[in-house]
Amino acid sequence: MPVLVLAESRAKTVRTSSLSAVSLARKLGSPVEGLLLGTGLSEAAADLARYVSSVLVVEDRRLDPYMAETWAPVVARA
């Protein structure tokens, strides 16, 4: 079963804290999928793809900026 890592992006790259989460997830021995939420994520998705098996991207202006009320249902569906 794959491990899903919710990744944060900044300035078109994935934040270092998210890469630490990916590194820990990889130690579990399962495939790691990355999830990015927000807008303008194509470059961040390409960056994340270097570290995970697959990248799920949900682009929607309502997800920018982070709010638990808007992100939680999307993460649950992923």
N, C-alpha and C. Protein backbone atom coordinates (compact mmCIF):
# COMPACT_ATOMS: atom_id res chain seq x y z
N MET A 1 0.84 -1.17 0.00
CA MET A 1 0.00 0.00 0.00
C MET A 1 0.89 1.24 0.00
N PRO A 2 0.64 2.21 -0.89
CA PRO A 2 1.47 3.41 -0.94
C PRO A 2 1.26 4.32 0.27
N VAL A 3 2.26 5.10 0.55
CA VAL A 3 2.21 6.12 1.60
C VAL A 3 2.00 7.46 0.91
N LEU A 4 1.03 8.23 1.39
CA LEU A 4 0.74 9.55 0.82
C LEU A 4 1.38 10.62 1.68
N VAL A 5 2.15 11.50 1.03
CA VAL A 5 2.77 12.63 1.72
C VAL A 5 2.15 13.91 1.17
N LEU A 6 1.55 14.68 2.04
CA LEU A 6 1.03 15.99 1.67
C LEU A 6 2.20 16.96 1.67
N ALA A 7 2.56 17.43 0.50
CA ALA A 7 3.75 18.27 0.35
C ALA A 7 3.36 19.75 0.26
N GLU A 8 4.18 20.58 0.83
CA GLU A 8 4.00 22.03 0.74
C GLU A 8 4.99 22.57 -0.27
N SER A 9 4.56 23.58 -1.01
CA SER A 9 5.45 24.19 -2.00
C SER A 9 5.65 25.66 -1.67
N ARG A 10 6.77 26.15 -2.15
CA ARG A 10 7.08 27.57 -2.00
C ARG A 10 8.01 27.95 -3.15
N ALA A 11 7.66 29.03 -3.82
CA ALA A 11 8.50 29.54 -4.91
C ALA A 11 8.81 28.46 -5.94
N LYS A 12 7.80 27.71 -6.32
CA LYS A 12 7.89 26.71 -7.38
C LYS A 12 8.71 25.48 -7.05
N THR A 13 9.04 25.30 -5.78
CA THR A 13 9.75 24.10 -5.35
C THR A 13 9.03 23.52 -4.14
N VAL A 14 9.41 22.32 -3.78
CA VAL A 14 8.84 21.66 -2.60
C VAL A 14 9.65 22.08 -1.38
N ARG A 15 8.95 22.41 -0.31
CA ARG A 15 9.63 22.85 0.91
C ARG A 15 10.47 21.71 1.50
N THR A 16 11.57 22.07 2.11
CA THR A 16 12.49 21.11 2.70
C THR A 16 11.80 20.23 3.73
N SER A 17 10.89 20.79 4.50
CA SER A 17 10.18 19.99 5.50
C SER A 17 9.37 18.87 4.85
N SER A 18 8.83 19.12 3.67
CA SER A 18 8.09 18.09 2.95
C SER A 18 9.03 16.99 2.45
N LEU A 19 10.22 17.38 2.03
CA LEU A 19 11.19 16.39 1.58
C LEU A 19 11.64 15.50 2.73
N SER A 20 11.68 16.05 3.94
CA SER A 20 12.00 15.24 5.12
C SER A 20 10.91 14.20 5.35
N ALA A 21 9.66 14.60 5.14
CA ALA A 21 8.54 13.66 5.28
C ALA A 21 8.62 12.57 4.22
N VAL A 22 8.99 12.94 3.01
CA VAL A 22 9.15 11.96 1.93
C VAL A 22 10.26 10.98 2.28
N SER A 23 11.35 11.48 2.80
CA SER A 23 12.48 10.62 3.18
C SER A 23 12.06 9.61 4.24
N LEU A 24 11.33 10.05 5.23
CA LEU A 24 10.85 9.15 6.27
C LEU A 24 9.88 8.12 5.68
N ALA A 25 8.98 8.55 4.81
CA ALA A 25 8.01 7.64 4.20
C ALA A 25 8.72 6.57 3.36
N ARG A 26 9.78 6.95 2.69
CA ARG A 26 10.52 5.98 1.86
C ARG A 26 11.15 4.88 2.71
N LYS A 27 11.48 5.18 3.95
CA LYS A 27 12.08 4.19 4.85
C LYS A 27 11.09 3.10 5.22
N LEU A 28 9.79 3.33 5.01
CA LEU A 28 8.78 2.34 5.32
C LEU A 28 8.75 1.21 4.30
N GLY A 29 9.40 1.43 3.15
CA GLY A 29 9.50 0.38 2.14
C GLY A 29 8.35 0.32 1.16
N SER A 30 7.38 1.19 1.30
CA SER A 30 6.24 1.24 0.37
C SER A 30 6.46 2.34 -0.65
N PRO A 31 5.77 2.26 -1.78
CA PRO A 31 5.84 3.38 -2.72
C PRO A 31 5.32 4.65 -2.04
N VAL A 32 5.87 5.78 -2.41
CA VAL A 32 5.47 7.06 -1.82
C VAL A 32 4.82 7.91 -2.91
N GLU A 33 3.63 8.40 -2.61
CA GLU A 33 2.93 9.32 -3.49
C GLU A 33 2.94 10.70 -2.85
N GLY A 34 3.13 11.72 -3.66
CA GLY A 34 3.11 13.09 -3.16
C GLY A 34 1.83 13.77 -3.58
N LEU A 35 1.30 14.61 -2.72
CA LEU A 35 0.08 15.37 -2.98
C LEU A 35 0.37 16.85 -2.83
N LEU A 36 0.05 17.62 -3.85
CA LEU A 36 0.20 19.07 -3.82
C LEU A 36 -1.17 19.71 -4.04
N LEU A 37 -1.47 20.73 -3.25
CA LEU A 37 -2.74 21.45 -3.35
C LEU A 37 -2.47 22.93 -3.50
N GLY A 38 -3.25 23.60 -4.34
CA GLY A 38 -3.12 25.05 -4.49
C GLY A 38 -3.21 25.46 -5.93
N THR A 39 -2.40 26.45 -6.32
CA THR A 39 -2.37 26.94 -7.69
C THR A 39 -0.93 27.11 -8.15
N GLY A 40 -0.73 27.07 -9.47
CA GLY A 40 0.60 27.26 -10.04
C GLY A 40 1.59 26.22 -9.58
N LEU A 41 1.21 24.96 -9.64
CA LEU A 41 2.02 23.90 -9.04
C LEU A 41 2.84 23.08 -10.02
N SER A 42 2.86 23.42 -11.30
CA SER A 42 3.53 22.56 -12.27
C SER A 42 5.02 22.40 -11.98
N GLU A 43 5.70 23.47 -11.63
CA GLU A 43 7.14 23.36 -11.34
C GLU A 43 7.39 22.63 -10.02
N ALA A 44 6.56 22.87 -9.02
CA ALA A 44 6.69 22.17 -7.75
C ALA A 44 6.41 20.68 -7.94
N ALA A 45 5.44 20.35 -8.80
CA ALA A 45 5.12 18.95 -9.08
C ALA A 45 6.31 18.25 -9.74
N ALA A 46 6.97 18.94 -10.66
CA ALA A 46 8.15 18.37 -11.31
C ALA A 46 9.27 18.17 -10.29
N ASP A 47 9.41 19.09 -9.38
CA ASP A 47 10.42 18.97 -8.32
C ASP A 47 10.10 17.77 -7.44
N LEU A 48 8.85 17.65 -7.01
CA LEU A 48 8.44 16.54 -6.15
C LEU A 48 8.58 15.20 -6.84
N ALA A 49 8.33 15.15 -8.13
CA ALA A 49 8.39 13.90 -8.90
C ALA A 49 9.78 13.27 -8.86
N ARG A 50 10.80 14.04 -8.54
CA ARG A 50 12.15 13.49 -8.44
C ARG A 50 12.31 12.59 -7.22
N TYR A 51 11.39 12.70 -6.25
CA TYR A 51 11.55 12.00 -4.98
C TYR A 51 10.48 10.96 -4.67
N VAL A 52 9.38 10.94 -5.42
CA VAL A 52 8.26 10.04 -5.12
C VAL A 52 7.89 9.21 -6.34
N SER A 53 7.09 8.18 -6.11
CA SER A 53 6.65 7.30 -7.20
C SER A 53 5.66 7.98 -8.12
N SER A 54 4.78 8.79 -7.55
CA SER A 54 3.80 9.52 -8.35
C SER A 54 3.39 10.79 -7.61
N VAL A 55 2.89 11.74 -8.38
CA VAL A 55 2.48 13.02 -7.83
C VAL A 55 1.01 13.25 -8.18
N LEU A 56 0.23 13.56 -7.17
CA LEU A 56 -1.16 13.97 -7.35
C LEU A 56 -1.23 15.47 -7.15
N VAL A 57 -1.85 16.17 -8.09
CA VAL A 57 -1.94 17.62 -8.02
C VAL A 57 -3.40 18.02 -8.09
N VAL A 58 -3.82 18.84 -7.15
CA VAL A 58 -5.17 19.41 -7.17
C VAL A 58 -5.00 20.92 -7.23
N GLU A 59 -5.25 21.48 -8.41
CA GLU A 59 -5.12 22.93 -8.59
C GLU A 59 -6.50 23.56 -8.51
N ASP A 60 -6.65 24.45 -7.55
CA ASP A 60 -7.90 25.16 -7.35
C ASP A 60 -7.58 26.40 -6.53
N ARG A 61 -8.04 27.53 -7.00
CA ARG A 61 -7.72 28.79 -6.29
C ARG A 61 -8.30 28.81 -4.88
N ARG A 62 -9.34 28.01 -4.63
CA ARG A 62 -9.92 27.96 -3.28
C ARG A 62 -9.01 27.26 -2.29
N LEU A 63 -8.00 26.55 -2.78
CA LEU A 63 -7.04 25.86 -1.91
C LEU A 63 -5.81 26.70 -1.62
N ASP A 64 -5.81 27.91 -2.10
CA ASP A 64 -4.68 28.83 -1.91
C ASP A 64 -5.18 30.06 -1.18
N PRO A 65 -4.83 30.34 0.03
CA PRO A 65 -3.81 29.73 0.88
C PRO A 65 -4.38 28.55 1.67
N TYR A 66 -3.48 27.90 2.42
CA TYR A 66 -3.86 26.75 3.22
C TYR A 66 -4.92 27.12 4.25
N MET A 67 -5.96 26.30 4.30
CA MET A 67 -6.96 26.35 5.37
C MET A 67 -7.43 24.92 5.60
N ALA A 68 -7.42 24.48 6.83
CA ALA A 68 -7.81 23.11 7.14
C ALA A 68 -9.20 22.78 6.62
N GLU A 69 -10.10 23.74 6.65
CA GLU A 69 -11.48 23.52 6.22
C GLU A 69 -11.57 23.18 4.74
N THR A 70 -10.68 23.73 3.93
CA THR A 70 -10.73 23.45 2.50
C THR A 70 -9.81 22.30 2.09
N TRP A 71 -8.71 22.15 2.78
CA TRP A 71 -7.76 21.10 2.42
C TRP A 71 -8.19 19.72 2.91
N ALA A 72 -8.77 19.62 4.09
CA ALA A 72 -9.07 18.31 4.70
C ALA A 72 -9.95 17.43 3.80
N PRO A 73 -11.02 17.94 3.20
CA PRO A 73 -11.83 17.05 2.35
C PRO A 73 -11.06 16.56 1.12
N VAL A 74 -10.18 17.38 0.58
CA VAL A 74 -9.41 16.98 -0.60
C VAL A 74 -8.40 15.91 -0.21
N VAL A 75 -7.74 16.09 0.90
CA VAL A 75 -6.77 15.09 1.36
C VAL A 75 -7.48 13.78 1.66
N ALA A 76 -8.65 13.84 2.27
CA ALA A 76 -9.41 12.61 2.58
C ALA A 76 -9.78 11.86 1.30
N ARG A 77 -10.13 12.57 0.25
CA ARG A 77 -10.47 11.92 -1.02
C ARG A 77 -9.24 11.31 -1.68
N ALA A 78 -8.10 11.94 -1.49
CA ALA A 78 -6.86 11.42 -2.10
C ALA A 78 -6.47 10.11 -1.46
